[in-house]
Amino acid sequence: AGGNPCPPLIIGLGIGATAEKSLEIAKKALLRPAGEPNSDVETAELE
């Protein structure tokens, strides 16, 4: 992507489910207060 998405970025990741569901939850993840880690410890460590 380089400079195309105008970094610095907030990156939303949707992991699991199906193709269309993962895309939806990746976008919804962007609504979380910026920088707030996932409540699941393993997922927060991946972040």
All heavy atoms as atom14 arrays in JSON, in Angstrom:
{
  "sequence": "AGGNPCPPLIIGLGIGATAEKSLEIAKKALLRPAGEPNSDVETAELE",
  "atom14_mask": [
    [1, 1, 1, 1, 1, 0, 0, 0, 0, 0, 0, 0, 0, 0],
    [1, 1, 1, 1, 0, 0, 0, 0, 0, 0, 0, 0, 0, 0],
    [1, 1, 1, 1, 0, 0, 0, 0, 0, 0, 0, 0, 0, 0],
    [1, 1, 1, 1, 1, 1, 1, 1, 0, 0, 0, 0, 0, 0],
    [1, 1, 1, 1, 1, 1, 1, 0, 0, 0, 0, 0, 0, 0],
    [1, 1, 1, 1, 1, 1, 0, 0, 0, 0, 0, 0, 0, 0],
    [1, 1, 1, 1, 1, 1, 1, 0, 0, 0, 0, 0, 0, 0],
    [1, 1, 1, 1, 1, 1, 1, 0, 0, 0, 0, 0, 0, 0],
    [1, 1, 1, 1, 1, 1, 1, 1, 0, 0, 0, 0, 0, 0],
    [1, 1, 1, 1, 1, 1, 1, 1, 0, 0, 0, 0, 0, 0],
    [1, 1, 1, 1, 1, 1, 1, 1, 0, 0, 0, 0, 0, 0],
    [1, 1, 1, 1, 0, 0, 0, 0, 0, 0, 0, 0, 0, 0],
    [1, 1, 1, 1, 1, 1, 1, 1, 0, 0, 0, 0, 0, 0],
    [1, 1, 1, 1, 0, 0, 0, 0, 0, 0, 0, 0, 0, 0],
    [1, 1, 1, 1, 1, 1, 1, 1, 0, 0, 0, 0, 0, 0],
    [1, 1, 1, 1, 0, 0, 0, 0, 0, 0, 0, 0, 0, 0],
    [1, 1, 1, 1, 1, 0, 0, 0, 0, 0, 0, 0, 0, 0],
    [1, 1, 1, 1, 1, 1, 1, 0, 0, 0, 0, 0, 0, 0],
    [1, 1, 1, 1, 1, 0, 0, 0, 0, 0, 0, 0, 0, 0],
    [1, 1, 1, 1, 1, 1, 1, 1, 1, 0, 0, 0, 0, 0],
    [1, 1, 1, 1, 1, 1, 1, 1, 1, 0, 0, 0, 0, 0],
    [1, 1, 1, 1, 1, 1, 0, 0, 0, 0, 0, 0, 0, 0],
    [1, 1, 1, 1, 1, 1, 1, 1, 0, 0, 0, 0, 0, 0],
    [1, 1, 1, 1, 1, 1, 1, 1, 1, 0, 0, 0, 0, 0],
    [1, 1, 1, 1, 1, 1, 1, 1, 0, 0, 0, 0, 0, 0],
    [1, 1, 1, 1, 1, 0, 0, 0, 0, 0, 0, 0, 0, 0],
    [1, 1, 1, 1, 1, 1, 1, 1, 1, 0, 0, 0, 0, 0],
    [1, 1, 1, 1, 1, 1, 1, 1, 1, 0, 0, 0, 0, 0],
    [1, 1, 1, 1, 1, 0, 0, 0, 0, 0, 0, 0, 0, 0],
    [1, 1, 1, 1, 1, 1, 1, 1, 0, 0, 0, 0, 0, 0],
    [1, 1, 1, 1, 1, 1, 1, 1, 0, 0, 0, 0, 0, 0],
    [1, 1, 1, 1, 1, 1, 1, 1, 1, 1, 1, 0, 0, 0],
    [1, 1, 1, 1, 1, 1, 1, 0, 0, 0, 0, 0, 0, 0],
    [1, 1, 1, 1, 1, 0, 0, 0, 0, 0, 0, 0, 0, 0],
    [1, 1, 1, 1, 0, 0, 0, 0, 0, 0, 0, 0, 0, 0],
    [1, 1, 1, 1, 1, 1, 1, 1, 1, 0, 0, 0, 0, 0],
    [1, 1, 1, 1, 1, 1, 1, 0, 0, 0, 0, 0, 0, 0],
    [1, 1, 1, 1, 1, 1, 1, 1, 0, 0, 0, 0, 0, 0],
    [1, 1, 1, 1, 1, 1, 0, 0, 0, 0, 0, 0, 0, 0],
    [1, 1, 1, 1, 1, 1, 1, 1, 0, 0, 0, 0, 0, 0],
    [1, 1, 1, 1, 1, 1, 1, 0, 0, 0, 0, 0, 0, 0],
    [1, 1, 1, 1, 1, 1, 1, 1, 1, 0, 0, 0, 0, 0],
    [1, 1, 1, 1, 1, 1, 1, 0, 0, 0, 0, 0, 0, 0],
    [1, 1, 1, 1, 1, 0, 0, 0, 0, 0, 0, 0, 0, 0],
    [1, 1, 1, 1, 1, 1, 1, 1, 1, 0, 0, 0, 0, 0],
    [1, 1, 1, 1, 1, 1, 1, 1, 0, 0, 0, 0, 0, 0],
    [1, 1, 1, 1, 1, 1, 1, 1, 1, 0, 0, 0, 0, 0]
  ],
  "atom14_positions": [
    [[0.83, -1.22, 0.0], [0.0, 0.0, 0.0], [0.85, 1.26, 0.0], [0.48, 2.28, -0.6], [-0.93, -0.01, 1.21], [0.0, 0.0, 0.0], [0.0, 0.0, 0.0], [0.0, 0.0, 0.0], [0.0, 0.0, 0.0], [0.0, 0.0, 0.0], [0.0, 0.0, 0.0], [0.0, 0.0, 0.0], [0.0, 0.0, 0.0], [0.0, 0.0, 0.0]],
    [[1.99, 1.21, 0.68], [2.87, 2.39, 0.75], [2.14, 3.6, 1.31], [1.47, 3.52, 2.33], [0.0, 0.0, 0.0], [0.0, 0.0, 0.0], [0.0, 0.0, 0.0], [0.0, 0.0, 0.0], [0.0, 0.0, 0.0], [0.0, 0.0, 0.0], [0.0, 0.0, 0.0], [0.0, 0.0, 0.0], [0.0, 0.0, 0.0], [0.0, 0.0, 0.0]],
    [[2.25, 4.72, 0.61], [1.61, 5.94, 1.08], [0.17, 6.1, 0.64], [-0.5, 7.06, 1.04], [0.0, 0.0, 0.0], [0.0, 0.0, 0.0], [0.0, 0.0, 0.0], [0.0, 0.0, 0.0], [0.0, 0.0, 0.0], [0.0, 0.0, 0.0], [0.0, 0.0, 0.0], [0.0, 0.0, 0.0], [0.0, 0.0, 0.0], [0.0, 0.0, 0.0]],
    [[-0.35, 5.16, -0.18], [-1.71, 5.31, -0.72], [-2.8, 5.45, 0.33], [-3.72, 6.26, 0.15], [-2.03, 4.14, -1.65], [-1.24, 4.19, -2.93], [-1.05, 5.26, -3.51], [-0.75, 3.04, -3.39], [0.0, 0.0, 0.0], [0.0, 0.0, 0.0], [0.0, 0.0, 0.0], [0.0, 0.0, 0.0], [0.0, 0.0, 0.0], [0.0, 0.0, 0.0]],
    [[-2.77, 4.71, 1.45], [-3.83, 4.86, 2.44], [-3.58, 5.97, 3.45], [-4.29, 6.07, 4.46], [-3.85, 3.49, 3.13], [-2.45, 3.02, 3.04], [-1.91, 3.54, 1.74], [0.0, 0.0, 0.0], [0.0, 0.0, 0.0], [0.0, 0.0, 0.0], [0.0, 0.0, 0.0], [0.0, 0.0, 0.0], [0.0, 0.0, 0.0], [0.0, 0.0, 0.0]],
    [[-2.59, 6.83, 3.19], [-2.29, 7.98, 4.05], [-1.96, 7.59, 5.48], [-2.69, 7.93, 6.42], [-3.44, 9.0, 4.03], [-3.73, 9.73, 2.41], [0.0, 0.0, 0.0], [0.0, 0.0, 0.0], [0.0, 0.0, 0.0], [0.0, 0.0, 0.0], [0.0, 0.0, 0.0], [0.0, 0.0, 0.0], [0.0, 0.0, 0.0], [0.0, 0.0, 0.0]],
    [[-0.86, 6.85, 5.69], [-0.45, 6.52, 7.05], [0.01, 7.75, 7.82], [0.29, 8.78, 7.19], [0.72, 5.53, 6.82], [1.22, 5.84, 5.45], [0.05, 6.33, 4.66], [0.0, 0.0, 0.0], [0.0, 0.0, 0.0], [0.0, 0.0, 0.0], [0.0, 0.0, 0.0], [0.0, 0.0, 0.0], [0.0, 0.0, 0.0], [0.0, 0.0, 0.0]],
    [[0.05, 7.65, 9.17], [-0.02, 6.44, 9.98], [-1.45, 5.87, 10.05], [-2.42, 6.6, 10.1], [0.47, 6.89, 11.35], [0.19, 8.35, 11.41], [0.36, 8.85, 10.01], [0.0, 0.0, 0.0], [0.0, 0.0, 0.0], [0.0, 0.0, 0.0], [0.0, 0.0, 0.0], [0.0, 0.0, 0.0], [0.0, 0.0, 0.0], [0.0, 0.0, 0.0]],
    [[-1.49, 4.55, 10.08], [-2.73, 3.81, 9.92], [-3.3, 3.32, 11.24], [-2.57, 3.1, 12.21], [-2.47, 2.58, 9.04], [-1.77, 2.8, 7.71], [-1.32, 1.46, 7.14], [-2.72, 3.5, 6.74], [0.0, 0.0, 0.0], [0.0, 0.0, 0.0], [0.0, 0.0, 0.0], [0.0, 0.0, 0.0], [0.0, 0.0, 0.0], [0.0, 0.0, 0.0]],
    [[-4.6, 3.11, 11.23], [-5.24, 2.19, 12.17], [-5.63, 0.99, 11.32], [-6.29, 1.14, 10.28], [-6.45, 2.81, 12.87], [-6.0, 3.96, 13.77], [-7.2, 1.75, 13.68], [-7.13, 4.66, 14.5], [0.0, 0.0, 0.0], [0.0, 0.0, 0.0], [0.0, 0.0, 0.0], [0.0, 0.0, 0.0], [0.0, 0.0, 0.0], [0.0, 0.0, 0.0]],
    [[-5.19, -0.19, 11.73], [-5.39, -1.4, 10.95], [-6.46, -2.25, 11.6], [-6.33, -2.67, 12.75], [-4.08, -2.19, 10.83], [-2.99, -1.3, 10.18], [-4.28, -3.47, 10.03], [-1.62, -1.95, 10.17], [0.0, 0.0, 0.0], [0.0, 0.0, 0.0], [0.0, 0.0, 0.0], [0.0, 0.0, 0.0], [0.0, 0.0, 0.0], [0.0, 0.0, 0.0]],
    [[-7.53, -2.5, 10.85], [-8.6, -3.38, 11.32], [-8.41, -4.77, 10.75], [-8.25, -4.93, 9.53], [0.0, 0.0, 0.0], [0.0, 0.0, 0.0], [0.0, 0.0, 0.0], [0.0, 0.0, 0.0], [0.0, 0.0, 0.0], [0.0, 0.0, 0.0], [0.0, 0.0, 0.0], [0.0, 0.0, 0.0], [0.0, 0.0, 0.0], [0.0, 0.0, 0.0]],
    [[-8.42, -5.78, 11.61], [-8.26, -7.16, 11.18], [-9.49, -7.97, 11.57], [-9.96, -7.9, 12.71], [-7.02, -7.79, 11.82], [-5.67, -7.11, 11.58], [-4.58, -7.87, 12.31], [-5.38, -7.01, 10.1], [0.0, 0.0, 0.0], [0.0, 0.0, 0.0], [0.0, 0.0, 0.0], [0.0, 0.0, 0.0], [0.0, 0.0, 0.0], [0.0, 0.0, 0.0]],
    [[-10.0, -8.74, 10.61], [-11.06, -9.7, 10.88], [-10.49, -11.09, 10.66], [-10.08, -11.42, 9.55], [0.0, 0.0, 0.0], [0.0, 0.0, 0.0], [0.0, 0.0, 0.0], [0.0, 0.0, 0.0], [0.0, 0.0, 0.0], [0.0, 0.0, 0.0], [0.0, 0.0, 0.0], [0.0, 0.0, 0.0], [0.0, 0.0, 0.0], [0.0, 0.0, 0.0]],
    [[-10.45, -11.89, 11.7], [-9.79, -13.2, 11.64], [-10.84, -14.28, 11.9], [-11.52, -14.26, 12.92], [-8.67, -13.3, 12.68], [-7.64, -12.17, 12.47], [-7.98, -14.66, 12.61], [-6.66, -12.02, 13.63], [0.0, 0.0, 0.0], [0.0, 0.0, 0.0], [0.0, 0.0, 0.0], [0.0, 0.0, 0.0], [0.0, 0.0, 0.0], [0.0, 0.0, 0.0]],
    [[-10.96, -15.23, 10.95], [-11.89, -16.33, 11.12], [-13.2, -16.1, 10.39], [-13.29, -15.3, 9.47], [0.0, 0.0, 0.0], [0.0, 0.0, 0.0], [0.0, 0.0, 0.0], [0.0, 0.0, 0.0], [0.0, 0.0, 0.0], [0.0, 0.0, 0.0], [0.0, 0.0, 0.0], [0.0, 0.0, 0.0], [0.0, 0.0, 0.0], [0.0, 0.0, 0.0]],
    [[-14.21, -16.88, 10.8], [-15.56, -16.83, 10.2], [-15.5, -17.27, 8.74], [-14.88, -18.29, 8.41], [-16.16, -15.44, 10.35], [0.0, 0.0, 0.0], [0.0, 0.0, 0.0], [0.0, 0.0, 0.0], [0.0, 0.0, 0.0], [0.0, 0.0, 0.0], [0.0, 0.0, 0.0], [0.0, 0.0, 0.0], [0.0, 0.0, 0.0], [0.0, 0.0, 0.0]],
    [[-16.11, -16.48, 7.85], [-16.09, -16.74, 6.41], [-15.53, -15.5, 5.73], [-15.29, -14.48, 6.39], [-17.51, -17.02, 5.89], [-18.35, -15.91, 6.27], [-18.08, -18.31, 6.49], [0.0, 0.0, 0.0], [0.0, 0.0, 0.0], [0.0, 0.0, 0.0], [0.0, 0.0, 0.0], [0.0, 0.0, 0.0], [0.0, 0.0, 0.0], [0.0, 0.0, 0.0]],
    [[-15.4, -15.56, 4.41], [-14.81, -14.42, 3.7], [-15.57, -13.14, 3.99], [-14.98, -12.12, 4.39], [-14.78, -14.71, 2.2], [0.0, 0.0, 0.0], [0.0, 0.0, 0.0], [0.0, 0.0, 0.0], [0.0, 0.0, 0.0], [0.0, 0.0, 0.0], [0.0, 0.0, 0.0], [0.0, 0.0, 0.0], [0.0, 0.0, 0.0], [0.0, 0.0, 0.0]],
    [[-16.91, -13.17, 3.8], [-17.67, -11.92, 3.94], [-17.76, -11.46, 5.39], [-17.73, -10.26, 5.68], [-19.07, -12.06, 3.31], [-20.12, -12.76, 4.14], [-19.99, -14.29, 4.13], [-19.05, -14.82, 3.51], [-20.84, -14.94, 4.77], [0.0, 0.0, 0.0], [0.0, 0.0, 0.0], [0.0, 0.0, 0.0], [0.0, 0.0, 0.0], [0.0, 0.0, 0.0]],
    [[-17.85, -12.4, 6.33], [-17.95, -12.03, 7.74], [-16.63, -11.43, 8.23], [-16.62, -10.46, 9.0], [-18.31, -13.25, 8.59], [-18.44, -12.97, 10.08], [-19.63, -12.08, 10.39], [-19.84, -11.94, 11.89], [-20.99, -11.06, 12.23], [0.0, 0.0, 0.0], [0.0, 0.0, 0.0], [0.0, 0.0, 0.0], [0.0, 0.0, 0.0], [0.0, 0.0, 0.0]],
    [[-15.51, -11.98, 7.79], [-14.22, -11.44, 8.23], [-14.04, -10.01, 7.75], [-13.5, -9.16, 8.47], [-13.07, -12.32, 7.73], [-12.96, -12.29, 6.31], [0.0, 0.0, 0.0], [0.0, 0.0, 0.0], [0.0, 0.0, 0.0], [0.0, 0.0, 0.0], [0.0, 0.0, 0.0], [0.0, 0.0, 0.0], [0.0, 0.0, 0.0], [0.0, 0.0, 0.0]],
    [[-14.51, -9.7, 6.54], [-14.42, -8.33, 6.02], [-15.26, -7.37, 6.86], [-14.85, -6.23, 7.13], [-14.86, -8.3, 4.56], [-13.89, -8.93, 3.57], [-14.6, -9.19, 2.24], [-12.67, -8.05, 3.35], [0.0, 0.0, 0.0], [0.0, 0.0, 0.0], [0.0, 0.0, 0.0], [0.0, 0.0, 0.0], [0.0, 0.0, 0.0], [0.0, 0.0, 0.0]],
    [[-16.43, -7.83, 7.28], [-17.3, -6.96, 8.08], [-16.69, -6.67, 9.45], [-16.67, -5.53, 9.91], [-18.68, -7.6, 8.26], [-19.63, -6.77, 9.09], [-20.98, -7.43, 9.32], [-21.25, -8.46, 8.69], [-21.76, -6.93, 10.16], [0.0, 0.0, 0.0], [0.0, 0.0, 0.0], [0.0, 0.0, 0.0], [0.0, 0.0, 0.0], [0.0, 0.0, 0.0]],
    [[-16.17, -7.72, 10.12], [-15.66, -7.48, 11.47], [-14.34, -6.72, 11.43], [-14.0, -6.02, 12.4], [-15.55, -8.79, 12.28], [-14.56, -9.77, 11.65], [-16.9, -9.44, 12.45], [-14.36, -11.05, 12.49], [0.0, 0.0, 0.0], [0.0, 0.0, 0.0], [0.0, 0.0, 0.0], [0.0, 0.0, 0.0], [0.0, 0.0, 0.0], [0.0, 0.0, 0.0]],
    [[-13.6, -6.83, 10.32], [-12.38, -6.02, 10.2], [-12.72, -4.55, 10.17], [-12.05, -3.72, 10.8], [-11.61, -6.42, 8.95], [0.0, 0.0, 0.0], [0.0, 0.0, 0.0], [0.0, 0.0, 0.0], [0.0, 0.0, 0.0], [0.0, 0.0, 0.0], [0.0, 0.0, 0.0], [0.0, 0.0, 0.0], [0.0, 0.0, 0.0], [0.0, 0.0, 0.0]],
    [[-13.77, -4.2, 9.43], [-14.16, -2.79, 9.37], [-14.76, -2.32, 10.69], [-14.47, -1.22, 11.17], [-15.16, -2.57, 8.23], [-15.58, -1.11, 8.08], [-16.13, -0.85, 6.7], [-15.01, -0.81, 5.68], [-15.51, -0.64, 4.3], [0.0, 0.0, 0.0], [0.0, 0.0, 0.0], [0.0, 0.0, 0.0], [0.0, 0.0, 0.0], [0.0, 0.0, 0.0]],
    [[-15.57, -3.17, 11.3], [-16.18, -2.78, 12.58], [-15.12, -2.61, 13.66], [-15.28, -1.79, 14.58], [-17.22, -3.82, 13.02], [-18.06, -3.35, 14.2], [-19.19, -4.3, 14.51], [-20.05, -3.75, 15.65], [-21.17, -4.68, 15.99], [0.0, 0.0, 0.0], [0.0, 0.0, 0.0], [0.0, 0.0, 0.0], [0.0, 0.0, 0.0], [0.0, 0.0, 0.0]],
    [[-14.0, -3.34, 13.54], [-12.92, -3.19, 14.52], [-12.38, -1.77, 14.55], [-11.86, -1.31, 15.58], [-11.79, -4.17, 14.2], [0.0, 0.0, 0.0], [0.0, 0.0, 0.0], [0.0, 0.0, 0.0], [0.0, 0.0, 0.0], [0.0, 0.0, 0.0], [0.0, 0.0, 0.0], [0.0, 0.0, 0.0], [0.0, 0.0, 0.0], [0.0, 0.0, 0.0]],
    [[-12.51, -1.04, 13.44], [-12.02, 0.34, 13.38], [-12.83, 1.28, 14.27], [-12.39, 2.4, 14.54], [-12.05, 0.83, 11.94], [-11.17, 0.07, 10.94], [-11.43, 0.55, 9.53], [-9.7, 0.21, 11.3], [0.0, 0.0, 0.0], [0.0, 0.0, 0.0], [0.0, 0.0, 0.0], [0.0, 0.0, 0.0], [0.0, 0.0, 0.0], [0.0, 0.0, 0.0]],
    [[-14.02, 0.86, 14.71], [-14.86, 1.7, 15.56], [-14.4, 1.67, 17.02], [-14.83, 2.53, 17.81], [-16.32, 1.25, 15.49], [-17.01, 1.39, 14.13], [-18.41, 0.79, 14.2], [-17.08, 2.84, 13.69], [0.0, 0.0, 0.0], [0.0, 0.0, 0.0], [0.0, 0.0, 0.0], [0.0, 0.0, 0.0], [0.0, 0.0, 0.0], [0.0, 0.0, 0.0]],
    [[-13.58, 0.72, 17.38], [-13.1, 0.64, 18.75], [-12.29, 1.9, 19.09], [-11.61, 2.44, 18.21], [-12.21, -0.6, 18.91], [-11.87, -0.95, 20.37], [-10.76, -1.97, 20.45], [-11.0, -3.16, 19.65], [-10.05, -4.04, 19.38], [-8.81, -3.87, 19.83], [-10.33, -5.1, 18.65], [0.0, 0.0, 0.0], [0.0, 0.0, 0.0], [0.0, 0.0, 0.0]],
    [[-12.35, 2.41, 20.31], [-11.5, 3.55, 20.67], [-10.06, 3.29, 20.27], [-9.5, 2.23, 20.56], [-11.66, 3.65, 22.19], [-13.04, 3.14, 22.45], [-13.23, 2.02, 21.44], [0.0, 0.0, 0.0], [0.0, 0.0, 0.0], [0.0, 0.0, 0.0], [0.0, 0.0, 0.0], [0.0, 0.0, 0.0], [0.0, 0.0, 0.0], [0.0, 0.0, 0.0]],
    [[-9.46, 4.23, 19.57], [-8.16, 4.02, 18.94], [-7.11, 3.62, 19.97], [-6.88, 4.31, 20.96], [-7.71, 5.28, 18.21], [0.0, 0.0, 0.0], [0.0, 0.0, 0.0], [0.0, 0.0, 0.0], [0.0, 0.0, 0.0], [0.0, 0.0, 0.0], [0.0, 0.0, 0.0], [0.0, 0.0, 0.0], [0.0, 0.0, 0.0], [0.0, 0.0, 0.0]],
    [[-6.47, 2.49, 19.72], [-5.42, 2.0, 20.6], [-5.89, 1.12, 21.73], [-5.07, 0.55, 22.45], [0.0, 0.0, 0.0], [0.0, 0.0, 0.0], [0.0, 0.0, 0.0], [0.0, 0.0, 0.0], [0.0, 0.0, 0.0], [0.0, 0.0, 0.0], [0.0, 0.0, 0.0], [0.0, 0.0, 0.0], [0.0, 0.0, 0.0], [0.0, 0.0, 0.0]],
    [[-7.2, 0.98, 21.91], [-7.72, 0.12, 22.98], [-7.53, -1.34, 22.59], [-8.04, -1.78, 21.57], [-9.2, 0.4, 23.22], [-9.83, -0.46, 24.3], [-11.32, -0.17, 24.46], [-11.63, 0.86, 25.08], [-12.15, -0.94, 23.93], [0.0, 0.0, 0.0], [0.0, 0.0, 0.0], [0.0, 0.0, 0.0], [0.0, 0.0, 0.0], [0.0, 0.0, 0.0]],
    [[-6.82, -2.13, 23.38], [-6.56, -3.51, 23.0], [-7.81, -4.38, 23.11], [-8.74, -4.06, 23.86], [-5.49, -3.96, 24.0], [-5.69, -3.08, 25.19], [-6.16, -1.76, 24.65], [0.0, 0.0, 0.0], [0.0, 0.0, 0.0], [0.0, 0.0, 0.0], [0.0, 0.0, 0.0], [0.0, 0.0, 0.0], [0.0, 0.0, 0.0], [0.0, 0.0, 0.0]],
    [[-7.81, -5.47, 22.37], [-8.89, -6.44, 22.48], [-8.95, -6.98, 23.91], [-7.91, -7.14, 24.56], [-8.65, -7.58, 21.48], [-9.87, -8.47, 21.3], [-10.26, -9.21, 22.2], [-10.46, -8.41, 20.12], [0.0, 0.0, 0.0], [0.0, 0.0, 0.0], [0.0, 0.0, 0.0], [0.0, 0.0, 0.0], [0.0, 0.0, 0.0], [0.0, 0.0, 0.0]],
    [[-10.15, -7.27, 24.38], [-10.32, -7.76, 25.75], [-9.76, -9.17, 25.94], [-9.48, -9.59, 27.07], [-11.79, -7.72, 26.16], [-12.57, -8.51, 25.28], [0.0, 0.0, 0.0], [0.0, 0.0, 0.0], [0.0, 0.0, 0.0], [0.0, 0.0, 0.0], [0.0, 0.0, 0.0], [0.0, 0.0, 0.0], [0.0, 0.0, 0.0], [0.0, 0.0, 0.0]],
    [[-9.61, -9.9, 24.84], [-9.02, -11.24, 24.9], [-7.49, -11.12, 24.91], [-6.9, -10.47, 24.03], [-9.48, -12.07, 23.7], [-8.82, -13.44, 23.65], [-9.18, -14.29, 24.48], [-7.94, -13.63, 22.79], [0.0, 0.0, 0.0], [0.0, 0.0, 0.0], [0.0, 0.0, 0.0], [0.0, 0.0, 0.0], [0.0, 0.0, 0.0], [0.0, 0.0, 0.0]],
    [[-6.86, -11.73, 25.87], [-5.41, -11.57, 26.06], [-4.62, -12.06, 24.85], [-3.68, -11.39, 24.39], [-4.95, -12.32, 27.34], [-3.43, -12.27, 27.46], [-5.6, -11.7, 28.58], [0.0, 0.0, 0.0], [0.0, 0.0, 0.0], [0.0, 0.0, 0.0], [0.0, 0.0, 0.0], [0.0, 0.0, 0.0], [0.0, 0.0, 0.0], [0.0, 0.0, 0.0]],
    [[-4.99, -13.21, 24.3], [-4.27, -13.76, 23.16], [-4.39, -12.85, 21.94], [-3.4, -12.59, 21.24], [-4.8, -15.14, 22.81], [-4.08, -15.8, 21.65], [-4.67, -17.15, 21.28], [-5.9, -17.24, 21.13], [-3.88, -18.1, 21.13], [0.0, 0.0, 0.0], [0.0, 0.0, 0.0], [0.0, 0.0, 0.0], [0.0, 0.0, 0.0], [0.0, 0.0, 0.0]],
    [[-5.61, -12.33, 21.71], [-5.82, -11.44, 20.56], [-5.08, -10.12, 20.76], [-4.5, -9.57, 19.81], [-7.32, -11.19, 20.35], [-8.0, -12.44, 20.23], [-7.56, -10.37, 19.09], [0.0, 0.0, 0.0], [0.0, 0.0, 0.0], [0.0, 0.0, 0.0], [0.0, 0.0, 0.0], [0.0, 0.0, 0.0], [0.0, 0.0, 0.0], [0.0, 0.0, 0.0]],
    [[-5.08, -9.6, 21.98], [-4.35, -8.36, 22.27], [-2.86, -8.54, 22.02], [-2.19, -7.62, 21.52], [-4.61, -7.93, 23.71], [0.0, 0.0, 0.0], [0.0, 0.0, 0.0], [0.0, 0.0, 0.0], [0.0, 0.0, 0.0], [0.0, 0.0, 0.0], [0.0, 0.0, 0.0], [0.0, 0.0, 0.0], [0.0, 0.0, 0.0], [0.0, 0.0, 0.0]],
    [[-2.33, -9.7, 22.34], [-0.91, -9.96, 22.1], [-0.62, -10.03, 20.6], [0.42, -9.53, 20.13], [-0.49, -11.27, 22.77], [0.97, -11.66, 22.6], [1.96, -10.67, 23.2], [1.54, -9.78, 23.98], [3.16, -10.79, 22.89], [0.0, 0.0, 0.0], [0.0, 0.0, 0.0], [0.0, 0.0, 0.0], [0.0, 0.0, 0.0], [0.0, 0.0, 0.0]],
    [[-1.53, -10.61, 19.84], [-1.37, -10.62, 18.38], [-1.39, -9.19, 17.83], [-0.59, -8.84, 16.95], [-2.47, -11.45, 17.73], [-2.49, -11.43, 16.2], [-1.21, -12.03, 15.63], [-3.73, -12.17, 15.67], [0.0, 0.0, 0.0], [0.0, 0.0, 0.0], [0.0, 0.0, 0.0], [0.0, 0.0, 0.0], [0.0, 0.0, 0.0], [0.0, 0.0, 0.0]],
    [[-2.29, -8.36, 18.33], [-2.33, -6.96, 17.91], [-0.98, -6.28, 18.14], [-0.51, -5.53, 17.28], [-3.43, -6.21, 18.68], [-4.84, -6.62, 18.32], [-5.88, -5.96, 19.21], [-5.54, -5.55, 20.35], [-7.05, -5.86, 18.78], [0.0, 0.0, 0.0], [0.0, 0.0, 0.0], [0.0, 0.0, 0.0], [0.0, 0.0, 0.0], [0.0, 0.0, 0.0]]
  ]
}
